[in-house]
Amino acid sequence: MATPLEACFALLKAVDRYPEWYPDVVRDVEVLERDADGQPTRARTRLHLSRGPLVHTFDLLMAIVLERPRTVQLAKVATGASEQTFGVTWRLHDGGGTRIDLNLDASLNVPRFMPLGGIGDSIAAGFVAAASRAVAAEERS
């Protein structure tokens, strides 16, 4: 996309706005902590995943790390003895326009014998498509 790198970074670092542009999955984000510059560092999120017979909502406490102007990382904060993990790493690449890549790494508790093949790729593709639409919409306004 022809959008400048900084505009894409601004969209992705504003985690509390994710429900505006990807409400199918990101149902709620509450920023709990910010750094001295006002950037989010910790947030409570509610993610809704639905694929075939699998429908589940996850309430996750996420740590946010920004590496300006190319990387936004969100990682589930370990709580108790849970072995669940959930991490999202956005990477921006500049080359005449900006390319948005997303790496999704998750190990969440779901019922056994659920057909999960491809769900991570599907969610990641949905996130990237939604982010691209949101950036394009902001450029038009």
N, C-alpha and C. Protein backbone atom coordinates (compact mmCIF):
# COMPACT_ATOMS: atom_id res chain seq x y z
N MET A 1 0.84 -1.17 0.00
CA MET A 1 0.00 0.00 0.00
C MET A 1 0.88 1.23 0.00
N ALA A 2 0.39 2.32 -0.51
CA ALA A 2 1.17 3.55 -0.66
C ALA A 2 1.21 4.38 0.62
N THR A 3 0.60 3.93 1.66
CA THR A 3 0.54 4.66 2.92
C THR A 3 1.93 4.76 3.56
N PRO A 4 2.28 5.93 4.07
CA PRO A 4 3.57 6.08 4.74
C PRO A 4 3.69 5.16 5.96
N LEU A 5 4.91 4.74 6.22
CA LEU A 5 5.21 3.85 7.34
C LEU A 5 4.67 4.40 8.66
N GLU A 6 4.89 5.69 8.94
CA GLU A 6 4.45 6.29 10.21
C GLU A 6 2.93 6.21 10.39
N ALA A 7 2.17 6.37 9.31
CA ALA A 7 0.71 6.29 9.42
C ALA A 7 0.28 4.87 9.79
N CYS A 8 0.93 3.88 9.22
CA CYS A 8 0.62 2.49 9.56
C CYS A 8 1.01 2.20 11.01
N PHE A 9 2.18 2.68 11.42
CA PHE A 9 2.64 2.48 12.79
C PHE A 9 1.67 3.13 13.77
N ALA A 10 1.20 4.32 13.47
CA ALA A 10 0.26 5.02 14.35
C ALA A 10 -1.02 4.20 14.54
N LEU A 11 -1.52 3.60 13.47
CA LEU A 11 -2.73 2.78 13.58
C LEU A 11 -2.48 1.56 14.45
N LEU A 12 -1.38 0.87 14.23
CA LEU A 12 -1.11 -0.38 14.93
C LEU A 12 -0.74 -0.20 16.39
N LYS A 13 -0.11 0.91 16.74
CA LYS A 13 0.24 1.14 18.16
C LYS A 13 -0.97 1.57 18.98
N ALA A 14 -2.01 2.06 18.35
CA ALA A 14 -3.23 2.49 19.06
C ALA A 14 -4.11 1.26 19.31
N VAL A 15 -3.66 0.39 20.21
CA VAL A 15 -4.34 -0.89 20.43
C VAL A 15 -5.78 -0.72 20.90
N ASP A 16 -6.07 0.37 21.59
CA ASP A 16 -7.43 0.60 22.06
C ASP A 16 -8.40 0.87 20.92
N ARG A 17 -7.89 1.10 19.71
CA ARG A 17 -8.74 1.32 18.55
C ARG A 17 -8.97 0.05 17.72
N TYR A 18 -8.31 -1.05 18.07
CA TYR A 18 -8.49 -2.29 17.31
C TYR A 18 -9.96 -2.71 17.17
N PRO A 19 -10.77 -2.59 18.22
CA PRO A 19 -12.17 -2.99 18.06
C PRO A 19 -12.93 -2.17 17.01
N GLU A 20 -12.46 -0.96 16.71
CA GLU A 20 -13.09 -0.14 15.67
C GLU A 20 -12.88 -0.73 14.29
N TRP A 21 -11.70 -1.27 14.05
CA TRP A 21 -11.40 -1.73 12.70
C TRP A 21 -11.36 -3.25 12.54
N TYR A 22 -11.43 -4.02 13.64
CA TYR A 22 -11.55 -5.48 13.51
C TYR A 22 -12.45 -6.03 14.60
N PRO A 23 -13.71 -5.56 14.61
CA PRO A 23 -14.64 -5.97 15.67
C PRO A 23 -15.04 -7.44 15.62
N ASP A 24 -14.83 -8.10 14.48
CA ASP A 24 -15.17 -9.52 14.41
C ASP A 24 -14.35 -10.35 15.39
N VAL A 25 -13.11 -9.93 15.66
CA VAL A 25 -12.23 -10.67 16.56
C VAL A 25 -11.94 -9.88 17.83
N VAL A 26 -11.60 -8.61 17.70
CA VAL A 26 -11.21 -7.81 18.86
C VAL A 26 -12.47 -7.12 19.39
N ARG A 27 -13.01 -7.66 20.44
CA ARG A 27 -14.27 -7.13 20.98
C ARG A 27 -14.06 -5.97 21.93
N ASP A 28 -12.93 -5.97 22.67
CA ASP A 28 -12.72 -4.88 23.63
C ASP A 28 -11.23 -4.80 23.96
N VAL A 29 -10.74 -3.58 24.13
CA VAL A 29 -9.37 -3.34 24.59
C VAL A 29 -9.42 -2.18 25.58
N GLU A 30 -8.87 -2.43 26.75
CA GLU A 30 -8.76 -1.39 27.77
C GLU A 30 -7.29 -1.21 28.09
N VAL A 31 -6.74 -0.05 27.78
CA VAL A 31 -5.34 0.22 28.10
C VAL A 31 -5.25 0.45 29.61
N LEU A 32 -4.39 -0.34 30.26
CA LEU A 32 -4.24 -0.27 31.71
C LEU A 32 -3.02 0.56 32.13
N GLU A 33 -1.97 0.55 31.30
CA GLU A 33 -0.75 1.28 31.63
C GLU A 33 -0.20 1.93 30.37
N ARG A 34 0.41 3.10 30.57
CA ARG A 34 1.08 3.81 29.49
C ARG A 34 2.47 4.22 29.98
N ASP A 35 3.39 4.40 29.04
CA ASP A 35 4.72 4.86 29.42
C ASP A 35 4.73 6.38 29.54
N ALA A 36 5.89 6.96 29.81
CA ALA A 36 6.02 8.40 30.02
C ALA A 36 5.60 9.21 28.79
N ASP A 37 5.67 8.59 27.59
CA ASP A 37 5.26 9.27 26.36
C ASP A 37 3.79 9.06 26.03
N GLY A 38 3.07 8.34 26.91
CA GLY A 38 1.65 8.09 26.68
C GLY A 38 1.36 6.88 25.80
N GLN A 39 2.40 6.10 25.47
CA GLN A 39 2.21 4.93 24.62
C GLN A 39 1.74 3.75 25.48
N PRO A 40 0.81 2.95 24.98
CA PRO A 40 0.31 1.82 25.77
C PRO A 40 1.40 0.79 26.02
N THR A 41 1.44 0.25 27.25
CA THR A 41 2.40 -0.80 27.59
C THR A 41 1.71 -2.05 28.13
N ARG A 42 0.45 -1.92 28.54
CA ARG A 42 -0.30 -3.06 29.06
C ARG A 42 -1.78 -2.81 28.81
N ALA A 43 -2.48 -3.87 28.36
CA ALA A 43 -3.90 -3.72 28.07
C ALA A 43 -4.63 -5.03 28.34
N ARG A 44 -5.88 -4.90 28.71
CA ARG A 44 -6.76 -6.06 28.85
C ARG A 44 -7.56 -6.15 27.56
N THR A 45 -7.58 -7.34 26.96
CA THR A 45 -8.26 -7.52 25.68
C THR A 45 -9.28 -8.65 25.78
N ARG A 46 -10.30 -8.54 24.94
CA ARG A 46 -11.27 -9.62 24.80
C ARG A 46 -11.32 -9.96 23.32
N LEU A 47 -10.88 -11.18 22.99
CA LEU A 47 -10.84 -11.65 21.61
C LEU A 47 -11.89 -12.72 21.40
N HIS A 48 -12.59 -12.63 20.30
CA HIS A 48 -13.64 -13.59 19.97
C HIS A 48 -13.21 -14.37 18.73
N LEU A 49 -13.04 -15.68 18.89
CA LEU A 49 -12.65 -16.52 17.78
C LEU A 49 -13.81 -17.43 17.40
N SER A 50 -14.06 -17.50 16.11
CA SER A 50 -15.15 -18.33 15.62
C SER A 50 -14.73 -18.96 14.30
N ARG A 51 -14.71 -20.28 14.31
CA ARG A 51 -14.41 -21.01 13.08
C ARG A 51 -15.08 -22.36 13.18
N GLY A 52 -16.02 -22.62 12.28
CA GLY A 52 -16.75 -23.88 12.32
C GLY A 52 -17.40 -24.04 13.69
N PRO A 53 -17.18 -25.20 14.31
CA PRO A 53 -17.82 -25.44 15.61
C PRO A 53 -17.12 -24.74 16.77
N LEU A 54 -15.95 -24.15 16.52
CA LEU A 54 -15.21 -23.48 17.58
C LEU A 54 -15.66 -22.03 17.70
N VAL A 55 -16.24 -21.70 18.83
CA VAL A 55 -16.61 -20.33 19.16
C VAL A 55 -16.17 -20.10 20.60
N HIS A 56 -15.25 -19.17 20.78
CA HIS A 56 -14.72 -18.96 22.12
C HIS A 56 -14.27 -17.51 22.27
N THR A 57 -14.44 -16.98 23.45
CA THR A 57 -13.95 -15.64 23.77
C THR A 57 -12.83 -15.78 24.79
N PHE A 58 -11.73 -15.08 24.52
CA PHE A 58 -10.57 -15.11 25.41
C PHE A 58 -10.38 -13.73 26.02
N ASP A 59 -10.25 -13.68 27.34
CA ASP A 59 -9.91 -12.46 28.05
C ASP A 59 -8.42 -12.55 28.38
N LEU A 60 -7.63 -11.65 27.79
CA LEU A 60 -6.17 -11.74 27.92
C LEU A 60 -5.58 -10.42 28.40
N LEU A 61 -4.62 -10.53 29.30
CA LEU A 61 -3.82 -9.38 29.71
C LEU A 61 -2.60 -9.37 28.80
N MET A 62 -2.39 -8.26 28.07
CA MET A 62 -1.33 -8.19 27.07
C MET A 62 -0.30 -7.12 27.43
N ALA A 63 0.97 -7.47 27.24
CA ALA A 63 2.06 -6.49 27.32
C ALA A 63 2.30 -5.99 25.90
N ILE A 64 2.58 -4.69 25.79
CA ILE A 64 2.75 -4.07 24.47
C ILE A 64 4.15 -3.46 24.41
N VAL A 65 4.89 -3.81 23.36
CA VAL A 65 6.23 -3.27 23.15
C VAL A 65 6.26 -2.64 21.77
N LEU A 66 6.66 -1.37 21.72
CA LEU A 66 6.76 -0.64 20.46
C LEU A 66 8.22 -0.45 20.11
N GLU A 67 8.56 -0.75 18.87
CA GLU A 67 9.89 -0.49 18.34
C GLU A 67 9.71 0.41 17.13
N ARG A 68 9.66 1.71 17.40
CA ARG A 68 9.37 2.71 16.39
C ARG A 68 10.41 2.67 15.29
N PRO A 69 10.02 2.76 14.05
CA PRO A 69 8.67 2.89 13.51
C PRO A 69 8.18 1.63 12.82
N ARG A 70 8.77 0.46 13.15
CA ARG A 70 8.49 -0.73 12.35
C ARG A 70 7.80 -1.89 13.05
N THR A 71 7.80 -1.95 14.37
CA THR A 71 7.31 -3.16 15.04
C THR A 71 6.41 -2.81 16.21
N VAL A 72 5.28 -3.54 16.29
CA VAL A 72 4.38 -3.48 17.43
C VAL A 72 4.17 -4.92 17.88
N GLN A 73 4.52 -5.19 19.14
CA GLN A 73 4.38 -6.54 19.68
C GLN A 73 3.38 -6.53 20.82
N LEU A 74 2.51 -7.51 20.81
CA LEU A 74 1.57 -7.73 21.91
C LEU A 74 1.75 -9.17 22.36
N ALA A 75 1.93 -9.38 23.66
CA ALA A 75 2.14 -10.73 24.18
C ALA A 75 1.34 -10.92 25.44
N LYS A 76 0.69 -12.07 25.53
CA LYS A 76 -0.09 -12.40 26.71
C LYS A 76 0.83 -12.45 27.93
N VAL A 77 0.41 -11.77 28.98
CA VAL A 77 1.14 -11.79 30.24
C VAL A 77 0.78 -13.07 30.97
N ALA A 78 1.79 -13.82 31.39
CA ALA A 78 1.55 -15.07 32.10
C ALA A 78 0.85 -14.78 33.43
N THR A 79 -0.20 -15.53 33.69
CA THR A 79 -0.93 -15.39 34.94
C THR A 79 -1.11 -16.77 35.54
N GLY A 80 -0.70 -16.95 36.76
CA GLY A 80 -0.85 -18.24 37.43
C GLY A 80 -0.07 -19.34 36.74
N ALA A 81 -0.63 -20.54 36.76
CA ALA A 81 0.04 -21.71 36.19
C ALA A 81 -0.36 -21.96 34.74
N SER A 82 -1.12 -21.06 34.15
CA SER A 82 -1.59 -21.26 32.79
C SER A 82 -0.43 -21.34 31.80
N GLU A 83 -0.51 -22.31 30.91
CA GLU A 83 0.50 -22.46 29.88
C GLU A 83 0.05 -21.83 28.56
N GLN A 84 -1.06 -21.12 28.59
CA GLN A 84 -1.55 -20.48 27.38
C GLN A 84 -0.59 -19.37 26.95
N THR A 85 -0.38 -19.26 25.65
CA THR A 85 0.41 -18.16 25.11
C THR A 85 -0.37 -17.54 23.97
N PHE A 86 -0.15 -16.26 23.77
CA PHE A 86 -0.76 -15.57 22.64
C PHE A 86 0.11 -14.37 22.35
N GLY A 87 0.66 -14.33 21.16
CA GLY A 87 1.52 -13.22 20.78
C GLY A 87 1.23 -12.76 19.37
N VAL A 88 1.26 -11.46 19.20
CA VAL A 88 1.05 -10.84 17.90
C VAL A 88 2.22 -9.90 17.65
N THR A 89 2.87 -10.07 16.52
CA THR A 89 3.96 -9.17 16.15
C THR A 89 3.66 -8.58 14.78
N TRP A 90 3.41 -7.28 14.77
CA TRP A 90 3.23 -6.53 13.52
C TRP A 90 4.60 -6.04 13.07
N ARG A 91 4.90 -6.21 11.79
CA ARG A 91 6.13 -5.67 11.22
C ARG A 91 5.78 -4.88 9.97
N LEU A 92 6.36 -3.70 9.89
CA LEU A 92 6.13 -2.81 8.76
C LEU A 92 7.39 -2.74 7.91
N HIS A 93 7.21 -2.81 6.60
CA HIS A 93 8.33 -2.77 5.67
C HIS A 93 8.10 -1.65 4.68
N ASP A 94 9.10 -0.80 4.51
CA ASP A 94 9.02 0.35 3.63
C ASP A 94 9.73 0.03 2.32
N GLY A 95 9.04 0.27 1.22
CA GLY A 95 9.64 0.04 -0.09
C GLY A 95 8.82 0.74 -1.14
N GLY A 96 8.73 2.05 -1.05
CA GLY A 96 7.89 2.82 -1.96
C GLY A 96 6.48 2.96 -1.42
N GLY A 97 6.10 2.05 -0.60
CA GLY A 97 4.83 2.04 0.11
C GLY A 97 5.10 1.25 1.37
N THR A 98 4.09 0.88 2.09
CA THR A 98 4.30 0.13 3.32
C THR A 98 3.63 -1.23 3.20
N ARG A 99 4.39 -2.27 3.53
CA ARG A 99 3.83 -3.62 3.59
C ARG A 99 3.65 -3.97 5.06
N ILE A 100 2.49 -4.52 5.40
CA ILE A 100 2.18 -4.92 6.77
C ILE A 100 2.25 -6.44 6.85
N ASP A 101 3.08 -6.96 7.76
CA ASP A 101 3.15 -8.39 8.04
C ASP A 101 2.72 -8.63 9.47
N LEU A 102 2.14 -9.79 9.71
CA LEU A 102 1.70 -10.15 11.06
C LEU A 102 2.14 -11.58 11.34
N ASN A 103 2.77 -11.76 12.50
CA ASN A 103 3.11 -13.09 12.98
C ASN A 103 2.24 -13.34 14.21
N LEU A 104 1.47 -14.40 14.16
CA LEU A 104 0.58 -14.77 15.26
C LEU A 104 1.09 -16.07 15.84
N ASP A 105 1.36 -16.07 17.14
CA ASP A 105 1.86 -17.26 17.83
C ASP A 105 0.95 -17.51 19.02
N ALA A 106 0.20 -18.62 18.97
CA ALA A 106 -0.78 -18.85 20.03
C ALA A 106 -0.83 -20.31 20.45
N SER A 107 -1.05 -20.50 21.72
CA SER A 107 -1.33 -21.81 22.30
C SER A 107 -2.37 -21.55 23.38
N LEU A 108 -3.64 -21.67 22.99
CA LEU A 108 -4.74 -21.36 23.90
C LEU A 108 -5.56 -22.61 24.16
N ASN A 109 -6.15 -22.68 25.33
CA ASN A 109 -6.97 -23.84 25.68
C ASN A 109 -8.27 -23.83 24.89
N VAL A 110 -8.47 -24.89 24.12
CA VAL A 110 -9.72 -25.10 23.39
C VAL A 110 -10.13 -26.54 23.61
N PRO A 111 -11.41 -26.85 23.40
CA PRO A 111 -11.84 -28.24 23.59
C PRO A 111 -11.05 -29.20 22.68
N ARG A 112 -10.77 -30.38 23.20
CA ARG A 112 -10.06 -31.40 22.42
C ARG A 112 -10.87 -31.79 21.20
N PHE A 113 -10.17 -32.25 20.20
CA PHE A 113 -10.74 -32.76 18.96
C PHE A 113 -11.42 -31.69 18.11
N MET A 114 -11.12 -30.44 18.38
CA MET A 114 -11.64 -29.37 17.54
C MET A 114 -10.76 -29.25 16.30
N PRO A 115 -11.37 -29.16 15.12
CA PRO A 115 -10.56 -28.98 13.90
C PRO A 115 -10.04 -27.55 13.82
N LEU A 116 -8.74 -27.38 14.07
CA LEU A 116 -8.18 -26.04 14.15
C LEU A 116 -7.26 -25.70 12.99
N GLY A 117 -7.08 -26.62 12.06
CA GLY A 117 -6.17 -26.39 10.95
C GLY A 117 -6.44 -25.08 10.23
N GLY A 118 -5.43 -24.25 10.13
CA GLY A 118 -5.53 -23.00 9.39
C GLY A 118 -6.16 -21.84 10.12
N ILE A 119 -6.61 -22.03 11.35
CA ILE A 119 -7.29 -20.93 12.04
C ILE A 119 -6.35 -19.78 12.32
N GLY A 120 -5.10 -20.07 12.67
CA GLY A 120 -4.13 -18.99 12.93
C GLY A 120 -3.87 -18.17 11.69
N ASP A 121 -3.68 -18.85 10.55
CA ASP A 121 -3.45 -18.14 9.29
C ASP A 121 -4.66 -17.30 8.91
N SER A 122 -5.84 -17.84 9.15
CA SER A 122 -7.07 -17.12 8.84
C SER A 122 -7.21 -15.86 9.69
N ILE A 123 -6.93 -15.98 10.98
CA ILE A 123 -7.02 -14.83 11.88
C ILE A 123 -5.98 -13.78 11.50
N ALA A 124 -4.76 -14.23 11.23
CA ALA A 124 -3.69 -13.29 10.85
C ALA A 124 -4.05 -12.55 9.56
N ALA A 125 -4.55 -13.28 8.57
CA ALA A 125 -4.95 -12.66 7.30
C ALA A 125 -6.08 -11.66 7.53
N GLY A 126 -7.02 -12.01 8.41
CA GLY A 126 -8.11 -11.09 8.72
C GLY A 126 -7.62 -9.82 9.39
N PHE A 127 -6.67 -9.96 10.32
CA PHE A 127 -6.08 -8.79 10.97
C PHE A 127 -5.40 -7.87 9.96
N VAL A 128 -4.58 -8.45 9.08
CA VAL A 128 -3.86 -7.63 8.10
C VAL A 128 -4.83 -6.94 7.14
N ALA A 129 -5.85 -7.66 6.68
CA ALA A 129 -6.83 -7.06 5.78
C ALA A 129 -7.58 -5.93 6.47
N ALA A 130 -7.98 -6.14 7.72
CA ALA A 130 -8.70 -5.11 8.47
C ALA A 130 -7.82 -3.89 8.70
N ALA A 131 -6.54 -4.11 9.05
CA ALA A 131 -5.61 -2.99 9.26
C ALA A 131 -5.41 -2.21 7.97
N SER A 132 -5.28 -2.91 6.85
CA SER A 132 -5.10 -2.25 5.55
C SER A 132 -6.31 -1.40 5.20
N ARG A 133 -7.50 -1.93 5.45
CA ARG A 133 -8.72 -1.14 5.18
C ARG A 133 -8.79 0.08 6.07
N ALA A 134 -8.41 -0.07 7.35
CA ALA A 134 -8.46 1.05 8.29
C ALA A 134 -7.48 2.15 7.90
N VAL A 135 -6.27 1.75 7.50
CA VAL A 135 -5.28 2.75 7.08
C VAL A 135 -5.78 3.48 5.82
N ALA A 136 -6.32 2.73 4.88
CA ALA A 136 -6.83 3.36 3.65
C ALA A 136 -7.98 4.32 3.96
N ALA A 137 -8.85 3.94 4.87
CA ALA A 137 -9.98 4.79 5.25
C ALA A 137 -9.48 6.08 5.91
N GLU A 138 -8.46 5.98 6.75
CA GLU A 138 -7.91 7.17 7.40
C GLU A 138 -7.25 8.10 6.38
N GLU A 139 -6.63 7.53 5.37
CA GLU A 139 -6.01 8.37 4.33
C GLU A 139 -7.05 9.15 3.54
N ARG A 140 -8.22 8.52 3.31
CA ARG A 140 -9.29 9.18 2.54
C ARG A 140 -9.95 10.31 3.33
N SER A 141 -9.90 10.21 4.67
CA SER A 141 -10.60 11.24 5.46
C SER A 141 -9.73 12.40 5.82
